[in-house]
C-alpha atoms as a PDB file:
ATOM      1  CA  MET A   1     -32.759 312.147 180.294  1.00  0.00           C
ATOM      2  CA  ALA A   2     -33.283 308.535 181.465  1.00  0.00           C
ATOM      3  CA  LEU A   3     -37.043 309.070 181.489  1.00  0.00           C
ATOM      4  CA  LYS A   4     -36.946 310.275 177.883  1.00  0.00           C
ATOM      5  CA  ARG A   5     -34.964 307.175 176.816  1.00  0.00           C
ATOM      6  CA  ARG A   6     -37.395 304.890 178.594  1.00  0.00           C
ATOM      7  CA  LEU A   7     -40.331 306.592 176.915  1.00  0.00           C
ATOM      8  CA  ILE A   8     -38.698 306.218 173.483  1.00  0.00           C
ATOM      9  CA  ALA A   9     -37.912 302.558 174.209  1.00  0.00           C
ATOM     10  CA  LEU A  10     -41.523 301.895 175.260  1.00  0.00           C
ATOM     11  CA  ILE A  11     -42.840 303.581 172.105  1.00  0.00           C
ATOM     12  CA  LEU A  12     -40.492 301.488 169.917  1.00  0.00           C
ATOM     13  CA  ILE A  13     -41.420 298.263 171.700  1.00  0.00           C
ATOM     14  CA  GLY A  14     -45.135 299.097 171.434  1.00  0.00           C
ATOM     15  CA  THR A  15     -44.798 299.859 167.719  1.00  0.00           C
ATOM     16  CA  ALA A  16     -42.875 296.623 167.067  1.00  0.00           C
ATOM     17  CA  LEU A  17     -45.409 294.602 169.060  1.00  0.00           C
ATOM     18  CA  GLY A  18     -48.302 296.199 167.169  1.00  0.00           C
ATOM     19  CA  ALA A  19     -46.667 295.417 163.817  1.00  0.00           C
ATOM     20  CA  LEU A  20     -46.024 291.810 164.887  1.00  0.00           C
ATOM     21  CA  LEU A  21     -49.633 291.318 165.990  1.00  0.00           C
ATOM     22  CA  ALA A  22     -50.931 292.814 162.728  1.00  0.00           C
ATOM     23  CA  TYR A  23     -48.681 290.417 160.768  1.00  0.00           C
ATOM     24  CA  LEU A  24     -49.806 287.391 162.790  1.00  0.00           C
ATOM     25  CA  HIS A  25     -53.477 288.353 162.390  1.00  0.00           C
ATOM     26  CA  ASP A  26     -53.266 287.547 158.657  1.00  0.00           C
ATOM     27  CA  PRO A  27     -49.932 285.835 157.914  1.00  0.00           C
ATOM     28  CA  PRO A  28     -49.123 285.112 154.254  1.00  0.00           C
ATOM     29  CA  TRP A  29     -47.944 281.547 155.016  1.00  0.00           C
ATOM     30  CA  LEU A  30     -51.297 280.488 156.457  1.00  0.00           C
ATOM     31  CA  LEU A  31     -52.515 279.048 153.120  1.00  0.00           C
ATOM     32  CA  SER A  32     -49.904 276.288 153.383  1.00  0.00           C
ATOM     33  CA  VAL A  33     -50.921 275.211 156.901  1.00  0.00           C
ATOM     34  CA  THR A  34     -52.935 272.065 157.661  1.00  0.00           C
ATOM     35  CA  SER A  35     -53.492 270.129 160.856  1.00  0.00           C
ATOM     36  CA  GLY A  36     -54.897 266.715 161.647  1.00  0.00           C
ATOM     37  CA  MET A  37     -53.853 265.278 158.271  1.00  0.00           C
ATOM     38  CA  ARG A  38     -51.282 262.660 157.383  1.00  0.00           C
ATOM     39  CA  PRO A  39     -48.804 263.122 154.504  1.00  0.00           C
ATOM     40  CA  TRP A  40     -49.984 262.908 150.906  1.00  0.00           C
ATOM     41  CA  GLU A  41     -50.278 259.437 149.393  1.00  0.00           C
ATOM     42  CA  THR A  42     -51.679 258.025 146.160  1.00  0.00           C
ATOM     43  CA  ASP A  43     -54.989 256.146 146.405  1.00  0.00           C
ATOM     44  CA  LEU A  44     -55.681 252.935 144.458  1.00  0.00           C
ATOM     45  CA  ASP A  45     -57.477 254.979 141.764  1.00  0.00           C
ATOM     46  CA  GLY A  46     -54.421 257.260 141.317  1.00  0.00           C
ATOM     47  CA  ARG A  47     -55.884 260.206 143.249  1.00  0.00           C
ATOM     48  CA  ARG A  48     -53.719 262.151 145.728  1.00  0.00           C
ATOM     49  CA  VAL A  49     -55.236 261.888 149.197  1.00  0.00           C
ATOM     50  CA  ARG A  50     -54.463 262.746 152.777  1.00  0.00           C
ATOM     51  CA  TRP A  51     -55.984 260.699 155.558  1.00  0.00           C
ATOM     52  CA  MET A  52     -57.348 262.607 158.511  1.00  0.00           C
ATOM     53  CA  GLY A  53     -58.205 261.564 162.034  1.00  0.00           C
ATOM     54  CA  GLY A  54     -61.359 262.813 163.725  1.00  0.00           C
ATOM     55  CA  HIS A  55     -60.712 266.503 162.982  1.00  0.00           C
ATOM     56  CA  ALA A  56     -58.654 268.225 160.308  1.00  0.00           C
ATOM     57  CA  SER A  57     -58.161 271.888 159.384  1.00  0.00           C
ATOM     58  CA  LEU A  58     -56.848 273.593 156.274  1.00  0.00           C
ATOM     59  CA  PHE A  59     -56.919 277.087 154.833  1.00  0.00           C
ATOM     60  CA  VAL A  60     -58.208 278.329 151.467  1.00  0.00           C
ATOM     61  CA  PRO A  61     -57.935 281.762 149.802  1.00  0.00           C
ATOM     62  CA  SER A  62     -60.741 284.054 150.945  1.00  0.00           C
ATOM     63  CA  ASP A  63     -61.231 285.568 147.489  1.00  0.00           C
ATOM     64  CA  GLY A  64     -62.601 282.296 146.034  1.00  0.00           C
ATOM     65  CA  ARG A  65     -66.306 281.778 145.437  1.00  0.00           C
ATOM     66  CA  LEU A  66     -66.562 277.976 145.708  1.00  0.00           C
ATOM     67  CA  VAL A  67     -64.513 275.342 147.505  1.00  0.00           C
ATOM     68  CA  SER A  68     -64.792 271.669 146.493  1.00  0.00           C
ATOM     69  CA  ILE A  69     -63.716 268.929 148.894  1.00  0.00           C
ATOM     70  CA  PRO A  70     -63.593 265.275 147.770  1.00  0.00           C
ATOM     71  CA  ILE A  71     -64.017 262.930 150.732  1.00  0.00           C
ATOM     72  CA  ARG A  72     -64.473 259.208 151.338  1.00  0.00           C
ATOM     73  CA  THR A  73     -63.703 256.536 153.899  1.00  0.00           C
ATOM     74  CA  THR A  74     -63.251 252.781 154.047  1.00  0.00           C
ATOM     75  CA  PHE A  75     -66.016 250.355 154.904  1.00  0.00           C
ATOM     76  CA  ASN A  76     -66.155 246.802 156.134  1.00  0.00           C
ATOM     77  CA  SER A  77     -69.310 244.732 156.064  1.00  0.00           C
ATOM     78  CA  GLY A  78     -71.722 246.010 158.694  1.00  0.00           C
ATOM     79  CA  ASP A  79     -69.959 249.342 159.357  1.00  0.00           C
ATOM     80  CA  PRO A  80     -72.357 252.178 160.186  1.00  0.00           C
ATOM     81  CA  PRO A  81     -72.294 255.355 158.042  1.00  0.00           C
ATOM     82  CA  VAL A  82     -69.720 258.043 158.846  1.00  0.00           C
ATOM     83  CA  THR A  83     -70.911 261.646 159.008  1.00  0.00           C
ATOM     84  CA  ALA A  84     -68.473 264.398 158.057  1.00  0.00           C
ATOM     85  CA  THR A  85     -69.310 267.952 159.112  1.00  0.00           C
ATOM     86  CA  ILE A  86     -67.582 270.764 157.228  1.00  0.00           C
ATOM     87  CA  SER A  87     -67.270 274.250 158.714  1.00  0.00           C
ATOM     88  CA  ILE A  88     -65.896 277.483 157.291  1.00  0.00           C
ATOM     89  CA  ASP A  89     -64.527 279.915 159.887  1.00  0.00           C
ATOM     90  CA  ASP A  90     -66.316 277.973 162.679  1.00  0.00           C
ATOM     91  CA  ARG A  91     -69.702 278.016 160.880  1.00  0.00           C
ATOM     92  CA  PRO A  92     -71.119 274.611 159.817  1.00  0.00           C
ATOM     93  CA  VAL A  93     -71.815 274.701 156.056  1.00  0.00           C
ATOM     94  CA  ASP A  94     -72.241 271.072 154.964  1.00  0.00           C
ATOM     95  CA  ARG A  95     -72.829 267.584 156.286  1.00  0.00           C
ATOM     96  CA  VAL A  96     -71.787 264.583 154.194  1.00  0.00           C
ATOM     97  CA  THR A  97     -72.950 261.072 155.048  1.00  0.00           C
ATOM     98  CA  LEU A  98     -70.497 258.428 153.870  1.00  0.00           C
ATOM     99  CA  THR A  99     -72.381 255.163 153.444  1.00  0.00           C
ATOM    100  CA  ASP A 100     -69.863 253.301 151.284  1.00  0.00           C
ATOM    101  CA  ALA A 101     -66.275 253.648 150.050  1.00  0.00           C
ATOM    102  CA  GLU A 102     -67.208 255.888 147.074  1.00  0.00           C
ATOM    103  CA  TRP A 103     -65.964 259.461 146.758  1.00  0.00           C
ATOM    104  CA  ARG A 104     -68.377 262.255 147.664  1.00  0.00           C
ATOM    105  CA  LEU A 105     -67.790 265.839 146.554  1.00  0.00           C
ATOM    106  CA  SER A 106     -68.829 268.650 148.872  1.00  0.00           C
ATOM    107  CA  THR A 107     -68.997 271.958 146.987  1.00  0.00           C
ATOM    108  CA  ILE A 108     -69.526 274.945 149.234  1.00  0.00           C
ATOM    109  CA  ARG A 109     -70.176 278.583 148.373  1.00  0.00           C
ATOM    110  CA  LEU A 110     -67.734 280.698 150.375  1.00  0.00           C
ATOM    111  CA  PRO A 111     -69.037 283.700 152.319  1.00  0.00           C
ATOM    112  CA  PRO A 112     -68.213 287.157 150.906  1.00  0.00           C
ATOM    113  CA  ASN A 113     -64.540 288.056 150.975  1.00  0.00           C
ATOM    114  CA  GLY A 114     -63.543 289.465 154.343  1.00  0.00           C
ATOM    115  CA  SER A 115     -60.493 291.402 155.422  1.00  0.00           C
ATOM    116  CA  ARG A 116     -58.233 288.328 155.704  1.00  0.00           C
ATOM    117  CA  ARG A 117     -56.391 286.393 152.993  1.00  0.00           C
ATOM    118  CA  ALA A 118     -57.485 282.938 154.169  1.00  0.00           C
ATOM    119  CA  ARG A 119     -60.528 281.122 155.486  1.00  0.00           C
ATOM    120  CA  ARG A 120     -60.244 278.114 157.782  1.00  0.00           C
ATOM    121  CA  VAL A 121     -61.974 274.910 156.695  1.00  0.00           C
ATOM    122  CA  ASP A 122     -62.598 272.310 159.403  1.00  0.00           C
ATOM    123  CA  ILE A 123     -63.660 268.747 158.654  1.00  0.00           C
ATOM    124  CA  ARG A 124     -64.899 266.596 161.528  1.00  0.00           C
ATOM    125  CA  VAL A 125     -66.033 262.986 161.340  1.00  0.00           C
ATOM    126  CA  ASP A 126     -68.227 261.345 163.951  1.00  0.00           C
ATOM    127  CA  ARG A 127     -66.062 258.209 164.198  1.00  0.00           C
ATOM    128  CA  THR A 128     -62.655 256.886 163.218  1.00  0.00           C
ATOM    129  CA  ARG A 129     -61.303 253.419 162.526  1.00  0.00           C
ATOM    130  CA  ALA A 130     -59.026 251.560 164.932  1.00  0.00           C
ATOM    131  CA  ASP A 131     -55.952 253.097 163.254  1.00  0.00           C
ATOM    132  CA  ASN A 132     -57.420 256.624 163.747  1.00  0.00           C
ATOM    133  CA  ARG A 133     -58.335 257.003 160.084  1.00  0.00           C
ATOM    134  CA  GLY A 134     -61.460 259.071 159.840  1.00  0.00           C
ATOM    135  CA  ALA A 135     -61.689 259.946 156.141  1.00  0.00           C
ATOM    136  CA  ALA A 136     -59.540 260.412 153.066  1.00  0.00           C
ATOM    137  CA  VAL A 137     -59.584 263.946 151.688  1.00  0.00           C
ATOM    138  CA  GLY A 138     -58.622 264.506 148.064  1.00  0.00           C
ATOM    139  CA  GLU A 139     -57.119 267.681 146.632  1.00  0.00           C
ATOM    140  CA  VAL A 140     -59.277 270.649 147.591  1.00  0.00           C
ATOM    141  CA  THR A 141     -60.018 273.124 144.799  1.00  0.00           C
ATOM    142  CA  VAL A 142     -61.082 276.741 145.043  1.00  0.00           C
ATOM    143  CA  ARG A 143     -62.609 278.705 142.171  1.00  0.00           C
END
């Protein structure tokens, strides 16, 4: 009798663990997750921006066709250009060279829709300022 109870308990635990792992593989809350970004603020031109350090990540819906990312940084006289590399799901898809303080718009065609709800977008810059500000990222749009 004890062996039968143990077997039932193991089956229940295995089923619960399998369901938990399936849920965590594609969680619905992932689209609201970002890392490496400061809180939203309003830029001098009235645009909502979030400053990032050297690396930031965010998630976008996987059923979109295009993602547009506005990006810029600050410049002082004599500063070298800043290169931002954008990756989707660990695959580099664009490189933006920031040579002045003007906004650049990176528009990227998303790969075909996969089995997950979200795709991870990583933005890396090759240098940051003394206060660990790498680049300002505006509101990302997906269409």
